[in-house]
Amino acid sequence: MRIIHRSEQTIQMAQHYETWDMPLPLLQATAKSKGASVAITIQSDADVEPGKVVFNFDDPSIVIINSTITSLRTATLETNTPKLSGKKISFDVLTLFHQHYGEAMID
């Protein structure tokens, strides 16, 4: 807050901040299993970048052995089990300019 003195009169001026609520888009992704591999495809509102994405399964017994980013919107994960159907995979994309979170049920 700024206070301005003009002769005998004191005027207080409050700072004004203009804000708005703008919800972020929810990204759309699919995950399909084939044996112990999972192919993840992002349809909209996010990209995956090598070294900037973290994948997790809802089942802590599933271990990711290898991950390959095949394009800005596709990735393939190799795991320790072929029992992946019905499990949920989540991922965080953390770059200098973006932070995205997504989930997908594995088909």
Protein backbone atom coordinates (compact mmCIF):
# COMPACT_ATOMS: atom_id res chain seq x y z
CA MET A 1 0.00 0.00 0.00
CA ARG A 2 1.26 3.46 -0.89
CA ILE A 3 0.48 6.56 1.14
CA ILE A 4 0.53 9.92 -0.61
CA HIS A 5 0.62 13.13 1.42
CA ARG A 6 -0.83 16.23 -0.22
CA SER A 7 -0.75 19.24 2.01
CA GLU A 8 -3.02 18.39 4.94
CA GLN A 9 -4.83 15.55 3.14
CA THR A 10 -3.63 11.93 3.28
CA ILE A 11 -4.70 9.59 0.48
CA GLN A 12 -4.19 5.85 0.77
CA MET A 13 -3.87 3.92 -2.48
CA ALA A 14 -4.19 0.14 -2.37
CA GLN A 15 -2.49 -2.01 -4.97
CA HIS A 16 -4.88 -3.75 -7.30
CA TYR A 17 -4.15 -7.24 -8.65
CA GLU A 18 -6.28 -8.65 -11.41
CA THR A 19 -6.54 -12.44 -11.41
CA TRP A 20 -8.77 -15.02 -13.00
CA ASP A 21 -9.48 -18.68 -12.53
CA MET A 22 -8.37 -20.63 -15.58
CA PRO A 23 -8.44 -24.41 -15.07
CA LEU A 24 -5.75 -26.33 -16.91
CA PRO A 25 -6.85 -28.85 -19.54
CA LEU A 26 -6.92 -32.48 -18.49
CA LEU A 27 -4.67 -34.48 -20.73
CA GLN A 28 -6.01 -37.51 -22.58
CA ALA A 29 -3.85 -40.65 -22.65
CA THR A 30 -4.18 -44.37 -23.37
CA ALA A 31 -2.02 -47.30 -22.30
CA LYS A 32 -2.02 -50.72 -23.98
CA SER A 33 -0.12 -53.76 -22.79
CA LYS A 34 1.50 -56.48 -24.85
CA GLY A 35 3.23 -59.04 -22.68
CA ALA A 36 5.40 -57.19 -20.17
CA SER A 37 5.43 -53.98 -22.27
CA VAL A 38 3.15 -50.95 -22.07
CA ALA A 39 2.69 -48.51 -24.95
CA ILE A 40 1.55 -45.08 -23.74
CA THR A 41 0.00 -42.59 -26.15
CA ILE A 42 -0.97 -39.03 -25.23
CA GLN A 43 -3.78 -37.74 -27.43
CA SER A 44 -3.82 -34.13 -26.20
CA ASP A 45 -2.58 -31.46 -23.80
CA ALA A 46 0.88 -32.80 -22.89
CA ASP A 47 4.20 -33.98 -24.30
CA VAL A 48 6.73 -36.43 -22.87
CA GLU A 49 10.38 -35.45 -23.08
CA PRO A 50 13.38 -37.69 -22.41
CA GLY A 51 14.68 -37.13 -18.89
CA LYS A 52 11.68 -34.96 -17.96
CA VAL A 53 8.98 -37.57 -17.30
CA VAL A 54 8.46 -39.91 -14.34
CA PHE A 55 6.24 -43.00 -14.71
CA ASN A 56 4.62 -44.87 -11.79
CA PHE A 57 2.25 -47.82 -11.45
CA ASP A 58 -0.50 -48.06 -8.83
CA ASP A 59 0.86 -51.53 -7.99
CA PRO A 60 4.25 -51.15 -6.24
CA SER A 61 5.27 -54.70 -7.24
CA ILE A 62 5.53 -53.62 -10.90
CA VAL A 63 9.08 -52.54 -11.71
CA ILE A 64 10.00 -50.52 -14.81
CA ILE A 65 13.04 -52.18 -16.38
CA ASN A 66 13.39 -49.85 -19.37
CA SER A 67 11.61 -46.80 -20.77
CA THR A 68 11.83 -45.45 -24.30
CA ILE A 69 10.39 -42.13 -25.46
CA THR A 70 9.50 -42.81 -29.10
CA SER A 71 8.04 -39.37 -29.94
CA LEU A 72 6.72 -36.27 -28.17
CA ARG A 73 3.48 -38.10 -27.38
CA THR A 74 4.41 -41.79 -27.18
CA ALA A 75 6.50 -43.93 -24.86
CA THR A 76 7.09 -47.65 -24.31
CA LEU A 77 7.84 -49.19 -20.91
CA GLU A 78 9.32 -52.64 -20.28
CA THR A 79 8.29 -54.13 -16.92
CA ASN A 80 8.95 -57.20 -14.79
CA THR A 81 5.48 -58.75 -15.29
CA PRO A 82 3.04 -59.53 -18.10
CA LYS A 83 0.07 -58.99 -15.71
CA LEU A 84 -0.55 -55.34 -16.56
CA SER A 85 -4.14 -55.22 -17.83
CA GLY A 86 -6.42 -53.31 -15.44
CA LYS A 87 -3.54 -51.58 -13.64
CA LYS A 88 -3.22 -47.80 -13.56
CA ILE A 89 -0.14 -45.95 -14.76
CA SER A 90 0.51 -42.33 -13.87
CA PHE A 91 3.12 -39.92 -15.12
CA ASP A 92 4.48 -36.48 -14.29
CA VAL A 93 6.07 -34.33 -16.96
CA LEU A 94 8.30 -31.68 -15.38
CA THR A 95 9.99 -29.24 -17.76
CA LEU A 96 11.21 -25.69 -17.34
CA PHE A 97 7.92 -24.34 -18.73
CA HIS A 98 5.36 -27.11 -18.10
CA GLN A 99 4.15 -29.47 -15.43
CA HIS A 100 1.62 -32.08 -16.50
CA TYR A 101 0.13 -35.01 -14.61
CA GLY A 102 -1.70 -37.84 -16.30
CA GLU A 103 -3.16 -41.26 -15.60
CA ALA A 104 -4.38 -44.10 -17.78
CA MET A 105 -5.85 -47.55 -17.18
CA ILE A 106 -3.91 -50.22 -19.02
CA ASP A 107 -5.89 -52.25 -21.58
